[in-house]
């Protein structure tokens, strides 16, 4: 039997979290260009531009124009929850259509009579609990990947 991979979150979430972590590590040292993020994280620049637009719209990052322009966090990393980040990038948290955070988005025809809805609601609540209690600063407290485990990168302030 072949192993199927299906993620709860899309590449938008993965790439957006990586972007926010780089901005978090840079916090207080001025803006960071998306070109540097793209190069360091090996992410497509046009995709990062889409992600940062959503993050900016939701007040998580701010942009600066000019030669030394780029993006930086709108608030300190200890005031940004990963729930905010994921909702900005993905929308309401929902493992299944019958268990979305946004009641207006619910589209299950069985409604509250579904025998499996309790499971999906518990999964949603667990995921929401982790995301809303995890700060960006919590992730930054972990060491950056070392050369031995990944490509590795260092961020230099110029």
C-alpha atoms as a PDB file:
ATOM      1  CA  UNK A   1       0.000   0.000   0.000  1.00  0.00           C
ATOM      2  CA  UNK A   2       1.449   3.355  -1.049  1.00  0.00           C
ATOM      3  CA  UNK A   3       1.873   6.063   1.535  1.00  0.00           C
ATOM      4  CA  UNK A   4      -0.321   9.088   0.807  1.00  0.00           C
ATOM      5  CA  UNK A   5       0.767  12.484   2.008  1.00  0.00           C
ATOM      6  CA  UNK A   6      -1.896  15.044   2.781  1.00  0.00           C
ATOM      7  CA  UNK A   7      -1.130  18.065   4.911  1.00  0.00           C
ATOM      8  CA  UNK A   8      -3.547  19.991   7.099  1.00  0.00           C
ATOM      9  CA  UNK A   9      -1.867  23.207   5.915  1.00  0.00           C
ATOM     10  CA  UNK A  10      -0.616  24.144   2.457  1.00  0.00           C
ATOM     11  CA  UNK A  11       2.727  25.409   1.235  1.00  0.00           C
ATOM     12  CA  UNK A  12       1.369  28.922   1.889  1.00  0.00           C
ATOM     13  CA  UNK A  13       1.532  28.170   5.594  1.00  0.00           C
ATOM     14  CA  UNK A  14       4.956  26.533   5.424  1.00  0.00           C
ATOM     15  CA  UNK A  15       6.534  29.313   3.383  1.00  0.00           C
ATOM     16  CA  UNK A  16       4.778  32.022   5.389  1.00  0.00           C
ATOM     17  CA  UNK A  17       6.036  30.623   8.690  1.00  0.00           C
ATOM     18  CA  UNK A  18       9.573  30.475   7.299  1.00  0.00           C
ATOM     19  CA  UNK A  19       9.239  34.095   6.143  1.00  0.00           C
ATOM     20  CA  UNK A  20       7.933  35.212   9.543  1.00  0.00           C
ATOM     21  CA  UNK A  21      10.773  33.407  11.316  1.00  0.00           C
ATOM     22  CA  UNK A  22      13.362  35.227   9.195  1.00  0.00           C
ATOM     23  CA  UNK A  23      11.633  38.537   9.886  1.00  0.00           C
ATOM     24  CA  UNK A  24      11.506  37.627  13.566  1.00  0.00           C
ATOM     25  CA  UNK A  25      15.233  36.939  13.677  1.00  0.00           C
ATOM     26  CA  UNK A  26      15.795  40.314  11.993  1.00  0.00           C
ATOM     27  CA  UNK A  27      13.389  42.162  14.342  1.00  0.00           C
ATOM     28  CA  UNK A  28      14.826  45.449  15.568  1.00  0.00           C
ATOM     29  CA  UNK A  29      17.541  45.547  12.887  1.00  0.00           C
ATOM     30  CA  UNK A  30      15.571  47.139  10.071  1.00  0.00           C
ATOM     31  CA  UNK A  31      13.704  45.771   7.075  1.00  0.00           C
ATOM     32  CA  UNK A  32      14.620  42.633   5.185  1.00  0.00           C
ATOM     33  CA  UNK A  33      14.226  42.332   1.426  1.00  0.00           C
ATOM     34  CA  UNK A  34      12.141  39.516   0.019  1.00  0.00           C
ATOM     35  CA  UNK A  35      14.999  38.789  -2.375  1.00  0.00           C
ATOM     36  CA  UNK A  36      17.192  37.885   0.627  1.00  0.00           C
ATOM     37  CA  UNK A  37      14.439  35.718   2.093  1.00  0.00           C
ATOM     38  CA  UNK A  38      13.924  34.051  -1.274  1.00  0.00           C
ATOM     39  CA  UNK A  39      17.621  33.270  -1.594  1.00  0.00           C
ATOM     40  CA  UNK A  40      18.171  32.142   2.005  1.00  0.00           C
ATOM     41  CA  UNK A  41      15.057  29.954   2.155  1.00  0.00           C
ATOM     42  CA  UNK A  42      15.107  28.864  -1.494  1.00  0.00           C
ATOM     43  CA  UNK A  43      11.551  30.103  -2.005  1.00  0.00           C
ATOM     44  CA  UNK A  44      10.123  31.657  -5.189  1.00  0.00           C
ATOM     45  CA  UNK A  45      10.097  35.447  -4.947  1.00  0.00           C
ATOM     46  CA  UNK A  46       6.697  35.905  -6.678  1.00  0.00           C
ATOM     47  CA  UNK A  47       5.122  33.516  -4.148  1.00  0.00           C
ATOM     48  CA  UNK A  48       6.689  35.390  -1.222  1.00  0.00           C
ATOM     49  CA  UNK A  49       5.238  38.620  -2.633  1.00  0.00           C
ATOM     50  CA  UNK A  50       1.753  37.063  -2.493  1.00  0.00           C
ATOM     51  CA  UNK A  51       2.272  35.872   1.066  1.00  0.00           C
ATOM     52  CA  UNK A  52       3.639  39.153   2.358  1.00  0.00           C
ATOM     53  CA  UNK A  53       0.638  40.986   0.856  1.00  0.00           C
ATOM     54  CA  UNK A  54      -1.726  38.952   3.064  1.00  0.00           C
ATOM     55  CA  UNK A  55       0.498  39.382   6.126  1.00  0.00           C
ATOM     56  CA  UNK A  56       0.662  43.136   5.506  1.00  0.00           C
ATOM     57  CA  UNK A  57      -3.104  43.388   4.999  1.00  0.00           C
ATOM     58  CA  UNK A  58      -3.625  41.727   8.383  1.00  0.00           C
ATOM     59  CA  UNK A  59      -1.172  43.993  10.211  1.00  0.00           C
ATOM     60  CA  UNK A  60       1.539  41.412  10.841  1.00  0.00           C
ATOM     61  CA  UNK A  61       4.258  43.023   8.705  1.00  0.00           C
ATOM     62  CA  UNK A  62       4.996  46.516   7.441  1.00  0.00           C
ATOM     63  CA  UNK A  63       6.782  47.506   4.270  1.00  0.00           C
ATOM     64  CA  UNK A  64       9.458  50.134   3.659  1.00  0.00           C
ATOM     65  CA  UNK A  65      10.320  51.525   0.239  1.00  0.00           C
ATOM     66  CA  UNK A  66      13.712  52.550  -1.016  1.00  0.00           C
ATOM     67  CA  UNK A  67      17.209  51.181  -1.392  1.00  0.00           C
ATOM     68  CA  UNK A  68      17.260  49.772   2.144  1.00  0.00           C
ATOM     69  CA  UNK A  69      13.594  48.874   1.999  1.00  0.00           C
ATOM     70  CA  UNK A  70      11.887  45.605   2.597  1.00  0.00           C
ATOM     71  CA  UNK A  71       9.626  44.143   5.239  1.00  0.00           C
ATOM     72  CA  UNK A  72       9.685  43.856   8.993  1.00  0.00           C
ATOM     73  CA  UNK A  73       7.344  42.666  11.701  1.00  0.00           C
ATOM     74  CA  UNK A  74       4.639  45.128  12.686  1.00  0.00           C
ATOM     75  CA  UNK A  75       4.910  44.004  16.326  1.00  0.00           C
ATOM     76  CA  UNK A  76       7.546  42.282  18.455  1.00  0.00           C
ATOM     77  CA  UNK A  77       7.755  38.491  17.938  1.00  0.00           C
ATOM     78  CA  UNK A  78       6.427  37.930  21.460  1.00  0.00           C
ATOM     79  CA  UNK A  79       3.182  39.667  20.466  1.00  0.00           C
ATOM     80  CA  UNK A  80       2.445  37.629  17.328  1.00  0.00           C
ATOM     81  CA  UNK A  81       0.747  34.257  17.658  1.00  0.00           C
ATOM     82  CA  UNK A  82       1.181  31.563  15.079  1.00  0.00           C
ATOM     83  CA  UNK A  83      -2.620  31.379  14.959  1.00  0.00           C
ATOM     84  CA  UNK A  84      -2.669  34.925  13.585  1.00  0.00           C
ATOM     85  CA  UNK A  85      -0.040  34.040  11.004  1.00  0.00           C
ATOM     86  CA  UNK A  86      -1.775  30.854   9.803  1.00  0.00           C
ATOM     87  CA  UNK A  87      -5.206  32.492   9.638  1.00  0.00           C
ATOM     88  CA  UNK A  88      -3.743  35.355   7.612  1.00  0.00           C
ATOM     89  CA  UNK A  89      -2.247  32.904   5.134  1.00  0.00           C
ATOM     90  CA  UNK A  90      -4.853  30.120   5.103  1.00  0.00           C
ATOM     91  CA  UNK A  91      -8.105  31.551   6.464  1.00  0.00           C
ATOM     92  CA  UNK A  92     -10.104  29.915   9.259  1.00  0.00           C
ATOM     93  CA  UNK A  93      -8.663  26.729  10.745  1.00  0.00           C
ATOM     94  CA  UNK A  94     -10.693  23.773   9.509  1.00  0.00           C
ATOM     95  CA  UNK A  95      -9.678  20.134   9.315  1.00  0.00           C
ATOM     96  CA  UNK A  96     -13.039  19.364   7.660  1.00  0.00           C
ATOM     97  CA  UNK A  97     -15.847  21.541   6.268  1.00  0.00           C
ATOM     98  CA  UNK A  98     -18.029  20.615   9.242  1.00  0.00           C
ATOM     99  CA  UNK A  99     -15.464  21.875  11.763  1.00  0.00           C
ATOM    100  CA  UNK A 100     -14.432  25.339  10.635  1.00  0.00           C
ATOM    101  CA  UNK A 101     -13.804  28.269  12.958  1.00  0.00           C
ATOM    102  CA  UNK A 102     -15.999  30.383  10.690  1.00  0.00           C
ATOM    103  CA  UNK A 103     -19.593  29.233  11.124  1.00  0.00           C
ATOM    104  CA  UNK A 104     -20.561  31.027   7.884  1.00  0.00           C
ATOM    105  CA  UNK A 105     -18.135  28.769   5.988  1.00  0.00           C
ATOM    106  CA  UNK A 106     -19.657  25.540   7.298  1.00  0.00           C
ATOM    107  CA  UNK A 107     -21.041  23.577   4.364  1.00  0.00           C
ATOM    108  CA  UNK A 108     -21.762  20.081   5.653  1.00  0.00           C
ATOM    109  CA  UNK A 109     -25.324  19.038   4.847  1.00  0.00           C
ATOM    110  CA  UNK A 110     -25.441  16.705   7.876  1.00  0.00           C
ATOM    111  CA  UNK A 111     -24.771  19.579  10.267  1.00  0.00           C
ATOM    112  CA  UNK A 112     -24.795  18.716  13.945  1.00  0.00           C
ATOM    113  CA  UNK A 113     -26.298  15.303  13.214  1.00  0.00           C
ATOM    114  CA  UNK A 114     -23.011  13.999  11.805  1.00  0.00           C
ATOM    115  CA  UNK A 115     -21.580  11.185  13.889  1.00  0.00           C
ATOM    116  CA  UNK A 116     -17.986  12.183  13.011  1.00  0.00           C
ATOM    117  CA  UNK A 117     -18.315  15.913  13.683  1.00  0.00           C
ATOM    118  CA  UNK A 118     -17.156  15.546  17.298  1.00  0.00           C
ATOM    119  CA  UNK A 119     -13.810  14.162  16.116  1.00  0.00           C
ATOM    120  CA  UNK A 120     -13.234  16.967  13.598  1.00  0.00           C
ATOM    121  CA  UNK A 121     -14.225  19.614  16.130  1.00  0.00           C
ATOM    122  CA  UNK A 122     -11.799  18.196  18.708  1.00  0.00           C
ATOM    123  CA  UNK A 123      -8.996  18.163  16.143  1.00  0.00           C
ATOM    124  CA  UNK A 124      -9.757  21.766  15.170  1.00  0.00           C
ATOM    125  CA  UNK A 125      -9.819  22.852  18.818  1.00  0.00           C
ATOM    126  CA  UNK A 126      -6.494  21.122  19.525  1.00  0.00           C
ATOM    127  CA  UNK A 127      -4.828  22.726  16.511  1.00  0.00           C
ATOM    128  CA  UNK A 128      -6.286  26.145  17.347  1.00  0.00           C
ATOM    129  CA  UNK A 129      -5.098  25.774  20.943  1.00  0.00           C
ATOM    130  CA  UNK A 130      -1.526  25.058  19.859  1.00  0.00           C
ATOM    131  CA  UNK A 131      -1.453  27.840  17.252  1.00  0.00           C
ATOM    132  CA  UNK A 132      -2.994  30.464  19.540  1.00  0.00           C
ATOM    133  CA  UNK A 133      -0.672  29.610  22.426  1.00  0.00           C
ATOM    134  CA  UNK A 134       2.512  29.547  20.324  1.00  0.00           C
ATOM    135  CA  UNK A 135       4.226  32.867  19.842  1.00  0.00           C
ATOM    136  CA  UNK A 136       6.603  33.615  17.016  1.00  0.00           C
ATOM    137  CA  UNK A 137       9.220  34.262  19.713  1.00  0.00           C
ATOM    138  CA  UNK A 138       8.750  30.674  20.959  1.00  0.00           C
ATOM    139  CA  UNK A 139       9.910  29.397  17.573  1.00  0.00           C
ATOM    140  CA  UNK A 140      12.808  31.847  17.483  1.00  0.00           C
ATOM    141  CA  UNK A 141      14.070  30.504  20.810  1.00  0.00           C
ATOM    142  CA  UNK A 142      15.034  27.308  18.963  1.00  0.00           C
ATOM    143  CA  UNK A 143      18.437  27.349  17.265  1.00  0.00           C
ATOM    144  CA  UNK A 144      18.476  27.971  13.542  1.00  0.00           C
ATOM    145  CA  UNK A 145      19.165  24.858  11.443  1.00  0.00           C
ATOM    146  CA  UNK A 146      22.851  23.987  11.423  1.00  0.00           C
ATOM    147  CA  UNK A 147      24.927  23.205   8.371  1.00  0.00           C
ATOM    148  CA  UNK A 148      24.794  19.533   9.323  1.00  0.00           C
ATOM    149  CA  UNK A 149      21.011  19.352   9.182  1.00  0.00           C
ATOM    150  CA  UNK A 150      20.153  21.572   6.253  1.00  0.00           C
ATOM    151  CA  UNK A 151      21.576  24.030   3.798  1.00  0.00           C
ATOM    152  CA  UNK A 152      21.957  26.457   6.674  1.00  0.00           C
ATOM    153  CA  UNK A 153      21.976  30.242   6.452  1.00  0.00           C
ATOM    154  CA  UNK A 154      23.155  33.207   8.378  1.00  0.00           C
ATOM    155  CA  UNK A 155      21.537  36.573   8.437  1.00  0.00           C
ATOM    156  CA  UNK A 156      23.926  39.514   8.339  1.00  0.00           C
ATOM    157  CA  UNK A 157      22.812  43.013   9.151  1.00  0.00           C
ATOM    158  CA  UNK A 158      24.269  45.556   6.756  1.00  0.00           C
END
